[in-house]
Structure formats: structure tokens, C-alpha cells
Amino acid sequence: MRPVLWACALLATVGAVACSPKPAEKAEDAKPPAAAAAAAVTNTAPSGAYIVDLDHTSVIFRVNHMGLSHYTARFTKVTGDLQFDPANPAAMSVSVAIDPRSLETDYPEPTKLNFDGELAGPNFLDAAKFPQMTFKSTRVETTGANTARVTGDLALRGVTKPLTLDVTFNGGLAAHAMDPKGSRIGFSARGALKRSEFGMTYGVPAPGSNFGVGDEVEVIIETELTQRPPAGTIAPAALPAPKPKT
């Protein structure tokens, strides 16, 4: 997680020069225009300890279904904390816990089949036996102005293995009167794991086949974290002045 500013946008190419016109470029010699750099990221949030704001957090996973689509589901109970250090991103650390019993799918007829329960059951997450998944970072490697590769230990179904997430810092805001939770920072993250490595082999397709549910699980995270300011440091939001009577 590297919360520093992106570079400014790339300059456009120089226009045509004076004097006699040059021959037109051959189609095969023409170069595509350079892509613009990403917009600058703004951060006014201070360093320190932050906690996950569940109101603004989603943890989604996707798996290939018979080579036809990517089935998508989510977890709704997530807690976590981050030691945020804008001046030294490599020193940051994050710890997250997820309740696998909070898994939710979009199965349309839950009264006929508890599909959420199937995925949380013994063939997959076995949430009754393993009621918590955890991720604890062990290394932060910056990869860009506001991106990083975060590696940590993922504990799932009684197995602990390394997992690497590609993380983007989206910016931060210092505490202000309109946000009762205080300072706020935001991140996006993506990663992938093989479920068979955590004992979930049920339905994995045979080699060379897509018939089944894919082994690779894509993880997609959008999150905001907050830091409550010291008491009395932020004035309450002012109410708008009443309009004069006419």
C-alpha cells in the first residue's frame, strides 16, 4: 500500500512543424497515442491505527463455473486493522478476519436450497469447524506511486499459506465534522488462490476439462478504514442557517 501521489498526466505530442510538409506516415509506421497517467491521489489522513469500516467494505470472490461464467459471492462480516504510514509504506501492516458463515450468494430460491449453507458446509469452507479466516501481512513491496504488492499469511480451513494481493491506495481524508468516524482512507485489492491447496477439492475439474467449479478463486476487495480523532478535536457539523421568511 503506497499512499503517495501519482505522476501528472503525460503531455500530448508536439503538433506539426512549419516549412514544407512531410510525407504522410505509412499506416504500419504510425504509433498509437500514449495512454494518460492515472489521476493524482489526494491524502490528508494522518498516520496511525485504522480499523475496517464495514459500511464501506466489500469482500467478493469469483470462481469459474464449467468454463461458462464466473460465479460471484461475498462475505459480509469482516473486521481488520491497519497501521498506516504514508511516509514509509513498507512499514505498514494489516490484519483481517472474516466470518465464513457470513457468505452470501444470489441464489434465487433459498427456501428450496440453502446454497449459502452448501458453500459454507463441509465440502467447501466447513465454517462450523473453522469459523474464522484470517490474513496477516508479512511484507509490503511498493510497485508504483500508489500501488503495492502485499504478501501475508492466509489461514483457511486449518491451513495457512502465503497470499499476495495487488493493492491500490485510493486516497485519504483527515477527520472533519461531516464524518463521525474520523479520518478515512480507501484501498482496492485483488488476488487469487487455489482452493485445493486449502483442502477444498470438491468439484475441481479434471485436468484438461472445465466440467466443474474452477480451482482458482479470484478475490476482489474494496474497503475504507477509519481512525477516530481525539475527543473534542473536531467541532460538530454546523446546521444550515434558516431561510428568511418572505
C-alpha atoms as a PDB file:
ATOM      1  CA  MET A   1       0.000   0.000   0.000  1.00  0.00           C
ATOM      2  CA  ARG A   2       1.723   3.133  -1.122  1.00  0.00           C
ATOM      3  CA  PRO A   3      -0.278   6.263  -0.468  1.00  0.00           C
ATOM      4  CA  VAL A   4       1.744   8.782  -2.423  1.00  0.00           C
ATOM      5  CA  LEU A   5       0.736  10.835  -5.418  1.00  0.00           C
ATOM      6  CA  TRP A   6       0.557   9.604  -8.985  1.00  0.00           C
ATOM      7  CA  ALA A   7       2.664  11.456 -11.558  1.00  0.00           C
ATOM      8  CA  CYS A   8       0.954  14.196 -13.552  1.00  0.00           C
ATOM      9  CA  ALA A   9      -0.705  13.268 -16.829  1.00  0.00           C
ATOM     10  CA  LEU A  10       1.576  12.750 -19.836  1.00  0.00           C
ATOM     11  CA  LEU A  11       1.934  15.723 -22.187  1.00  0.00           C
ATOM     12  CA  ALA A  12       0.352  15.497 -25.598  1.00  0.00           C
ATOM     13  CA  THR A  13       2.607  15.036 -28.615  1.00  0.00           C
ATOM     14  CA  VAL A  14       4.014  18.141 -30.330  1.00  0.00           C
ATOM     15  CA  GLY A  15       1.971  19.482 -33.244  1.00  0.00           C
ATOM     16  CA  ALA A  16       3.035  19.871 -36.822  1.00  0.00           C
ATOM     17  CA  VAL A  17       6.120  21.943 -37.626  1.00  0.00           C
ATOM     18  CA  ALA A  18       6.455  24.790 -40.097  1.00  0.00           C
ATOM     19  CA  CYS A  19       8.106  24.702 -43.535  1.00  0.00           C
ATOM     20  CA  SER A  20       7.397  22.173 -46.226  1.00  0.00           C
ATOM     21  CA  PRO A  21       5.001  19.346 -45.357  1.00  0.00           C
ATOM     22  CA  LYS A  22       6.403  15.893 -44.670  1.00  0.00           C
ATOM     23  CA  PRO A  23       5.163  12.818 -46.459  1.00  0.00           C
ATOM     24  CA  ALA A  24       2.313  11.067 -44.702  1.00  0.00           C
ATOM     25  CA  GLU A  25       3.304   8.288 -42.339  1.00  0.00           C
ATOM     26  CA  LYS A  26       2.748   4.786 -43.505  1.00  0.00           C
ATOM     27  CA  ALA A  27      -0.028   3.036 -41.651  1.00  0.00           C
ATOM     28  CA  GLU A  28       2.317   0.400 -40.337  1.00  0.00           C
ATOM     29  CA  ASP A  29       4.707   3.082 -39.004  1.00  0.00           C
ATOM     30  CA  ALA A  30       2.061   5.083 -37.165  1.00  0.00           C
ATOM     31  CA  LYS A  31       2.307   4.816 -33.380  1.00  0.00           C
ATOM     32  CA  PRO A  32      -0.737   4.740 -31.086  1.00  0.00           C
ATOM     33  CA  PRO A  33      -1.114   7.749 -28.761  1.00  0.00           C
ATOM     34  CA  ALA A  34       0.440   7.362 -25.337  1.00  0.00           C
ATOM     35  CA  ALA A  35      -2.006   6.485 -22.564  1.00  0.00           C
ATOM     36  CA  ALA A  36      -2.592   9.191 -19.984  1.00  0.00           C
ATOM     37  CA  ALA A  37      -1.293   8.572 -16.491  1.00  0.00           C
ATOM     38  CA  ALA A  38      -3.758   7.974 -13.685  1.00  0.00           C
ATOM     39  CA  ALA A  39      -5.189  10.951 -11.843  1.00  0.00           C
ATOM     40  CA  ALA A  40      -3.342  12.167  -8.785  1.00  0.00           C
ATOM     41  CA  VAL A  41      -4.293  10.640  -5.437  1.00  0.00           C
ATOM     42  CA  THR A  42      -5.005  13.029  -2.581  1.00  0.00           C
ATOM     43  CA  ASN A  43      -4.277  12.110   1.022  1.00  0.00           C
ATOM     44  CA  THR A  44      -4.802  14.344   4.040  1.00  0.00           C
ATOM     45  CA  ALA A  45      -5.338  11.492   6.526  1.00  0.00           C
ATOM     46  CA  PRO A  46      -2.750  11.136   9.298  1.00  0.00           C
ATOM     47  CA  SER A  47      -0.692   8.061  10.044  1.00  0.00           C
ATOM     48  CA  GLY A  48      -1.626   5.659  12.828  1.00  0.00           C
ATOM     49  CA  ALA A  49      -4.017   2.811  13.552  1.00  0.00           C
ATOM     50  CA  TYR A  50      -7.129   2.399  11.390  1.00  0.00           C
ATOM     51  CA  ILE A  51      -9.982  -0.109  11.504  1.00  0.00           C
ATOM     52  CA  VAL A  52     -12.151  -1.517   8.708  1.00  0.00           C
ATOM     53  CA  ASP A  53     -15.375   0.396   8.098  1.00  0.00           C
ATOM     54  CA  LEU A  54     -17.805  -2.407   7.266  1.00  0.00           C
ATOM     55  CA  ASP A  55     -20.310   0.098   5.864  1.00  0.00           C
ATOM     56  CA  HIS A  56     -17.843   0.777   3.053  1.00  0.00           C
ATOM     57  CA  THR A  57     -16.184  -2.613   2.617  1.00  0.00           C
ATOM     58  CA  SER A  58     -16.896  -5.498   0.263  1.00  0.00           C
ATOM     59  CA  VAL A  59     -15.035  -8.811   0.003  1.00  0.00           C
ATOM     60  CA  ILE A  60     -16.051 -10.645  -3.162  1.00  0.00           C
ATOM     61  CA  PHE A  61     -14.822 -13.897  -4.654  1.00  0.00           C
ATOM     62  CA  ARG A  62     -15.308 -15.415  -8.111  1.00  0.00           C
ATOM     63  CA  VAL A  63     -14.821 -18.943  -9.437  1.00  0.00           C
ATOM     64  CA  ASN A  64     -15.093 -20.340 -12.935  1.00  0.00           C
ATOM     65  CA  HIS A  65     -18.292 -22.346 -13.425  1.00  0.00           C
ATOM     66  CA  MET A  66     -17.911 -25.030 -16.113  1.00  0.00           C
ATOM     67  CA  GLY A  67     -15.980 -22.610 -18.318  1.00  0.00           C
ATOM     68  CA  LEU A  68     -19.189 -20.654 -18.925  1.00  0.00           C
ATOM     69  CA  SER A  69     -19.190 -17.852 -16.352  1.00  0.00           C
ATOM     70  CA  HIS A  70     -17.574 -16.665 -13.135  1.00  0.00           C
ATOM     71  CA  TYR A  71     -19.847 -17.360 -10.201  1.00  0.00           C
ATOM     72  CA  THR A  72     -19.707 -14.493  -7.711  1.00  0.00           C
ATOM     73  CA  ALA A  73     -20.381 -14.392  -3.966  1.00  0.00           C
ATOM     74  CA  ARG A  74     -19.348 -12.294  -0.978  1.00  0.00           C
ATOM     75  CA  PHE A  75     -18.617 -12.214   2.738  1.00  0.00           C
ATOM     76  CA  THR A  76     -20.489  -9.684   4.858  1.00  0.00           C
ATOM     77  CA  LYS A  77     -18.753  -9.934   8.250  1.00  0.00           C
ATOM     78  CA  VAL A  78     -15.230  -8.541   8.070  1.00  0.00           C
ATOM     79  CA  THR A  79     -13.031  -6.955  10.724  1.00  0.00           C
ATOM     80  CA  GLY A  80      -9.499  -5.658  10.408  1.00  0.00           C
ATOM     81  CA  ASP A  81      -6.916  -3.096  11.368  1.00  0.00           C
ATOM     82  CA  LEU A  82      -4.144  -1.321   9.517  1.00  0.00           C
ATOM     83  CA  GLN A  83      -1.047   0.503  10.719  1.00  0.00           C
ATOM     84  CA  PHE A  84      -0.978   3.377   8.222  1.00  0.00           C
ATOM     85  CA  ASP A  85       2.307   5.149   7.497  1.00  0.00           C
ATOM     86  CA  PRO A  86       2.265   7.358   4.377  1.00  0.00           C
ATOM     87  CA  ALA A  87       5.931   8.244   4.803  1.00  0.00           C
ATOM     88  CA  ASN A  88       7.061   4.617   4.900  1.00  0.00           C
ATOM     89  CA  PRO A  89       4.615   2.284   3.107  1.00  0.00           C
ATOM     90  CA  ALA A  90       6.921  -0.731   3.526  1.00  0.00           C
ATOM     91  CA  ALA A  91       6.437  -0.448   7.292  1.00  0.00           C
ATOM     92  CA  MET A  92       2.656  -0.759   7.063  1.00  0.00           C
ATOM     93  CA  SER A  93       0.888  -3.863   8.316  1.00  0.00           C
ATOM     94  CA  VAL A  94      -2.654  -5.174   8.037  1.00  0.00           C
ATOM     95  CA  SER A  95      -4.620  -7.883   9.801  1.00  0.00           C
ATOM     96  CA  VAL A  96      -8.076  -9.067   8.692  1.00  0.00           C
ATOM     97  CA  ALA A  97     -10.589 -11.622   9.971  1.00  0.00           C
ATOM     98  CA  ILE A  98     -13.605 -12.929   8.017  1.00  0.00           C
ATOM     99  CA  ASP A  99     -16.517 -14.998   9.294  1.00  0.00           C
ATOM    100  CA  PRO A 100     -17.105 -17.702   6.614  1.00  0.00           C
ATOM    101  CA  ARG A 101     -20.650 -18.153   7.909  1.00  0.00           C
ATOM    102  CA  SER A 102     -21.404 -14.681   6.530  1.00  0.00           C
ATOM    103  CA  LEU A 103     -21.072 -15.964   2.946  1.00  0.00           C
ATOM    104  CA  GLU A 104     -23.850 -14.717   0.669  1.00  0.00           C
ATOM    105  CA  THR A 105     -24.723 -15.743  -2.873  1.00  0.00           C
ATOM    106  CA  ASP A 106     -27.501 -14.593  -5.173  1.00  0.00           C
ATOM    107  CA  TYR A 107     -29.191 -17.995  -5.266  1.00  0.00           C
ATOM    108  CA  PRO A 108     -32.785 -17.173  -6.259  1.00  0.00           C
ATOM    109  CA  GLU A 109     -34.699 -19.861  -4.308  1.00  0.00           C
ATOM    110  CA  PRO A 110     -33.198 -20.193  -0.820  1.00  0.00           C
ATOM    111  CA  THR A 111     -36.340 -21.860   0.515  1.00  0.00           C
ATOM    112  CA  LYS A 112     -35.739 -24.779  -1.859  1.00  0.00           C
ATOM    113  CA  LEU A 113     -31.970 -24.984  -1.413  1.00  0.00           C
ATOM    114  CA  ASN A 114     -29.760 -23.284   1.151  1.00  0.00           C
ATOM    115  CA  PHE A 115     -26.947 -22.721  -1.325  1.00  0.00           C
ATOM    116  CA  ASP A 116     -25.159 -20.324   1.023  1.00  0.00           C
ATOM    117  CA  GLY A 117     -25.127 -23.150   3.540  1.00  0.00           C
ATOM    118  CA  GLU A 118     -23.801 -25.564   0.921  1.00  0.00           C
ATOM    119  CA  LEU A 119     -20.773 -23.372   0.258  1.00  0.00           C
ATOM    120  CA  ALA A 120     -20.223 -22.822   3.972  1.00  0.00           C
ATOM    121  CA  GLY A 121     -20.570 -26.579   4.574  1.00  0.00           C
ATOM    122  CA  PRO A 122     -18.042 -29.442   4.808  1.00  0.00           C
ATOM    123  CA  ASN A 123     -17.387 -29.753   1.044  1.00  0.00           C
ATOM    124  CA  PHE A 124     -16.166 -26.172   0.837  1.00  0.00           C
ATOM    125  CA  LEU A 125     -15.487 -23.709   3.689  1.00  0.00           C
ATOM    126  CA  ASP A 126     -16.511 -26.064   6.524  1.00  0.00           C
ATOM    127  CA  ALA A 127     -17.406 -22.991   8.563  1.00  0.00           C
ATOM    128  CA  ALA A 128     -18.810 -24.938  11.522  1.00  0.00           C
ATOM    129  CA  LYS A 129     -15.391 -26.484  12.107  1.00  0.00           C
ATOM    130  CA  PHE A 130     -13.329 -23.464  11.010  1.00  0.00           C
ATOM    131  CA  PRO A 131     -15.361 -20.367  11.960  1.00  0.00           C
ATOM    132  CA  GLN A 132     -12.747 -17.794  11.017  1.00  0.00           C
ATOM    133  CA  MET A 133     -10.463 -16.938   8.103  1.00  0.00           C
ATOM    134  CA  THR A 134      -7.550 -14.598   8.740  1.00  0.00           C
ATOM    135  CA  PHE A 135      -4.963 -12.701   6.728  1.00  0.00           C
ATOM    136  CA  LYS A 136      -1.899 -11.118   8.333  1.00  0.00           C
ATOM    137  CA  SER A 137       0.574  -9.215   6.199  1.00  0.00           C
ATOM    138  CA  THR A 138       4.258 -10.127   6.282  1.00  0.00           C
ATOM    139  CA  ARG A 139       5.643  -7.883   3.542  1.00  0.00           C
ATOM    140  CA  VAL A 140       4.709  -4.734   1.628  1.00  0.00           C
ATOM    141  CA  GLU A 141       6.523  -4.132  -1.665  1.00  0.00           C
ATOM    142  CA  THR A 142       5.767  -0.880  -3.466  1.00  0.00           C
ATOM    143  CA  THR A 143       5.108  -1.236  -7.192  1.00  0.00           C
ATOM    144  CA  GLY A 144       4.077   2.290  -8.168  1.00  0.00           C
ATOM    145  CA  ALA A 145       3.220   5.744  -6.917  1.00  0.00           C
ATOM    146  CA  ASN A 146       0.129   4.484  -5.085  1.00  0.00           C
ATOM    147  CA  THR A 147       0.287   0.708  -5.610  1.00  0.00           C
ATOM    148  CA  ALA A 148       1.917  -2.161  -3.769  1.00  0.00           C
ATOM    149  CA  ARG A 149       2.144  -5.916  -3.591  1.00  0.00           C
ATOM    150  CA  VAL A 150       1.111  -7.060  -0.130  1.00  0.00           C
ATOM    151  CA  THR A 151       2.065 -10.589   0.900  1.00  0.00           C
ATOM    152  CA  GLY A 152       0.728 -12.255   4.007  1.00  0.00           C
ATOM    153  CA  ASP A 153      -0.375 -15.493   5.647  1.00  0.00           C
ATOM    154  CA  LEU A 154      -3.887 -16.653   4.812  1.00  0.00           C
ATOM    155  CA  ALA A 155      -5.364 -19.112   7.325  1.00  0.00           C
ATOM    156  CA  LEU A 156      -8.327 -21.017   5.859  1.00  0.00           C
ATOM    157  CA  ARG A 157      -9.822 -24.385   6.854  1.00  0.00           C
ATOM    158  CA  GLY A 158      -6.932 -25.144   9.185  1.00  0.00           C
ATOM    159  CA  VAL A 159      -4.289 -24.498   6.507  1.00  0.00           C
ATOM    160  CA  THR A 160      -2.002 -21.449   6.396  1.00  0.00           C
ATOM    161  CA  LYS A 161      -0.389 -20.432   3.113  1.00  0.00           C
ATOM    162  CA  PRO A 162       1.029 -17.219   1.649  1.00  0.00           C
ATOM    163  CA  LEU A 163      -1.281 -14.993  -0.363  1.00  0.00           C
ATOM    164  CA  THR A 164      -0.248 -11.936  -2.379  1.00  0.00           C
ATOM    165  CA  LEU A 165      -2.617  -9.059  -3.073  1.00  0.00           C
ATOM    166  CA  ASP A 166      -2.139  -6.286  -5.632  1.00  0.00           C
ATOM    167  CA  VAL A 167      -3.262  -3.199  -3.750  1.00  0.00           C
ATOM    168  CA  THR A 168      -4.116   0.334  -4.862  1.00  0.00           C
ATOM    169  CA  PHE A 169      -4.346   3.248  -2.449  1.00  0.00           C
ATOM    170  CA  ASN A 170      -7.282   5.435  -3.484  1.00  0.00           C
ATOM    171  CA  GLY A 171      -6.669   8.384  -1.173  1.00  0.00           C
ATOM    172  CA  GLY A 172      -7.497   9.628   2.301  1.00  0.00           C
ATOM    173  CA  LEU A 173      -9.304  12.390   4.144  1.00  0.00           C
ATOM    174  CA  ALA A 174      -8.496  13.889   7.517  1.00  0.00           C
ATOM    175  CA  ALA A 175     -11.243  13.937  10.139  1.00  0.00           C
ATOM    176  CA  HIS A 176     -13.959  16.520   9.560  1.00  0.00           C
ATOM    177  CA  ALA A 177     -17.294  17.423  11.079  1.00  0.00           C
ATOM    178  CA  MET A 178     -19.400  15.590   8.492  1.00  0.00           C
ATOM    179  CA  ASP A 179     -17.822  12.175   9.186  1.00  0.00           C
ATOM    180  CA  PRO A 180     -18.437  10.887  12.717  1.00  0.00           C
ATOM    181  CA  LYS A 181     -15.940   8.060  12.223  1.00  0.00           C
ATOM    182  CA  GLY A 182     -12.994  10.413  11.814  1.00  0.00           C
ATOM    183  CA  SER A 183     -10.143  10.200   9.310  1.00  0.00           C
ATOM    184  CA  ARG A 184     -10.761   7.885   6.385  1.00  0.00           C
ATOM    185  CA  ILE A 185      -8.581   6.038   3.855  1.00  0.00           C
ATOM    186  CA  GLY A 186      -9.540   3.753   0.979  1.00  0.00           C
ATOM    187  CA  PHE A 187      -7.998   0.829  -0.882  1.00  0.00           C
ATOM    188  CA  SER A 188      -8.769  -1.624  -3.680  1.00  0.00           C
ATOM    189  CA  ALA A 189      -7.140  -5.060  -3.788  1.00  0.00           C
ATOM    190  CA  ARG A 190      -7.113  -8.177  -5.942  1.00  0.00           C
ATOM    191  CA  GLY A 191      -5.576 -11.593  -5.550  1.00  0.00           C
ATOM    192  CA  ALA A 192      -6.064 -15.276  -6.313  1.00  0.00           C
ATOM    193  CA  LEU A 193      -5.662 -18.605  -4.566  1.00  0.00           C
ATOM    194  CA  LYS A 194      -6.175 -22.273  -5.365  1.00  0.00           C
ATOM    195  CA  ARG A 195      -8.894 -23.729  -3.175  1.00  0.00           C
ATOM    196  CA  SER A 196      -7.478 -27.237  -3.497  1.00  0.00           C
ATOM    197  CA  GLU A 197      -4.439 -26.083  -1.511  1.00  0.00           C
ATOM    198  CA  PHE A 198      -6.787 -25.452   1.422  1.00  0.00           C
ATOM    199  CA  GLY A 199      -8.492 -28.832   1.249  1.00  0.00           C
ATOM    200  CA  MET A 200     -11.429 -27.807  -0.974  1.00  0.00           C
ATOM    201  CA  THR A 201     -11.158 -30.292  -3.831  1.00  0.00           C
ATOM    202  CA  TYR A 202     -14.870 -30.993  -4.294  1.00  0.00           C
ATOM    203  CA  GLY A 203     -15.945 -30.279  -7.872  1.00  0.00           C
ATOM    204  CA  VAL A 204     -12.497 -29.274  -9.166  1.00  0.00           C
ATOM    205  CA  PRO A 205     -12.416 -30.168 -12.909  1.00  0.00           C
ATOM    206  CA  ALA A 206     -10.188 -32.964 -14.127  1.00  0.00           C
ATOM    207  CA  PRO A 207      -7.008 -31.837 -15.929  1.00  0.00           C
ATOM    208  CA  GLY A 208      -7.844 -30.542 -19.412  1.00  0.00           C
ATOM    209  CA  SER A 209     -11.538 -30.115 -18.572  1.00  0.00           C
ATOM    210  CA  ASN A 210     -13.769 -27.232 -17.452  1.00  0.00           C
ATOM    211  CA  PHE A 211     -16.535 -29.519 -16.215  1.00  0.00           C
ATOM    212  CA  GLY A 212     -16.929 -28.487 -12.598  1.00  0.00           C
ATOM    213  CA  VAL A 213     -16.085 -25.499 -10.425  1.00  0.00           C
ATOM    214  CA  GLY A 214     -12.663 -23.974 -11.006  1.00  0.00           C
ATOM    215  CA  ASP A 215      -9.757 -24.439  -8.628  1.00  0.00           C
ATOM    216  CA  GLU A 216      -8.632 -20.809  -8.823  1.00  0.00           C
ATOM    217  CA  VAL A 217     -10.568 -18.340  -6.693  1.00  0.00           C
ATOM    218  CA  GLU A 218     -10.304 -14.652  -7.538  1.00  0.00           C
ATOM    219  CA  VAL A 219     -10.563 -12.276  -4.571  1.00  0.00           C
ATOM    220  CA  ILE A 220     -11.746  -8.686  -5.062  1.00  0.00           C
ATOM    221  CA  ILE A 221     -11.698  -6.219  -2.167  1.00  0.00           C
ATOM    222  CA  GLU A 222     -12.945  -2.648  -1.857  1.00  0.00           C
ATOM    223  CA  THR A 223     -12.505  -1.126   1.575  1.00  0.00           C
ATOM    224  CA  GLU A 224     -12.367   2.040   3.617  1.00  0.00           C
ATOM    225  CA  LEU A 225     -10.776   2.266   7.064  1.00  0.00           C
ATOM    226  CA  THR A 226     -11.279   4.915   9.696  1.00  0.00           C
ATOM    227  CA  GLN A 227      -9.432   6.468  12.618  1.00  0.00           C
ATOM    228  CA  ARG A 228     -11.469   8.169  15.295  1.00  0.00           C
ATOM    229  CA  PRO A 229      -9.985  11.562  16.266  1.00  0.00           C
ATOM    230  CA  PRO A 230      -9.247  12.507  19.895  1.00  0.00           C
ATOM    231  CA  ALA A 231     -12.325  13.748  21.742  1.00  0.00           C
ATOM    232  CA  GLY A 232     -13.013  17.423  21.289  1.00  0.00           C
ATOM    233  CA  THR A 233     -10.710  17.967  18.311  1.00  0.00           C
ATOM    234  CA  ILE A 234     -13.480  18.154  15.697  1.00  0.00           C
ATOM    235  CA  ALA A 235     -16.299  20.639  16.084  1.00  0.00           C
ATOM    236  CA  PRO A 236     -19.819  19.296  15.431  1.00  0.00           C
ATOM    237  CA  ALA A 237     -21.239  19.995  11.999  1.00  0.00           C
ATOM    238  CA  ALA A 238     -22.987  23.331  11.800  1.00  0.00           C
ATOM    239  CA  LEU A 239     -26.668  23.279  10.903  1.00  0.00           C
ATOM    240  CA  PRO A 240     -27.646  25.329   7.833  1.00  0.00           C
ATOM    241  CA  ALA A 241     -28.985  28.777   8.637  1.00  0.00           C
ATOM    242  CA  PRO A 242     -32.777  29.031   8.344  1.00  0.00           C
ATOM    243  CA  LYS A 243     -34.075  30.803   5.287  1.00  0.00           C
ATOM    244  CA  PRO A 244     -35.605  34.231   5.982  1.00  0.00           C
ATOM    245  CA  LYS A 245     -39.375  34.377   5.839  1.00  0.00           C
ATOM    246  CA  THR A 246     -40.845  36.218   2.909  1.00  0.00           C
END
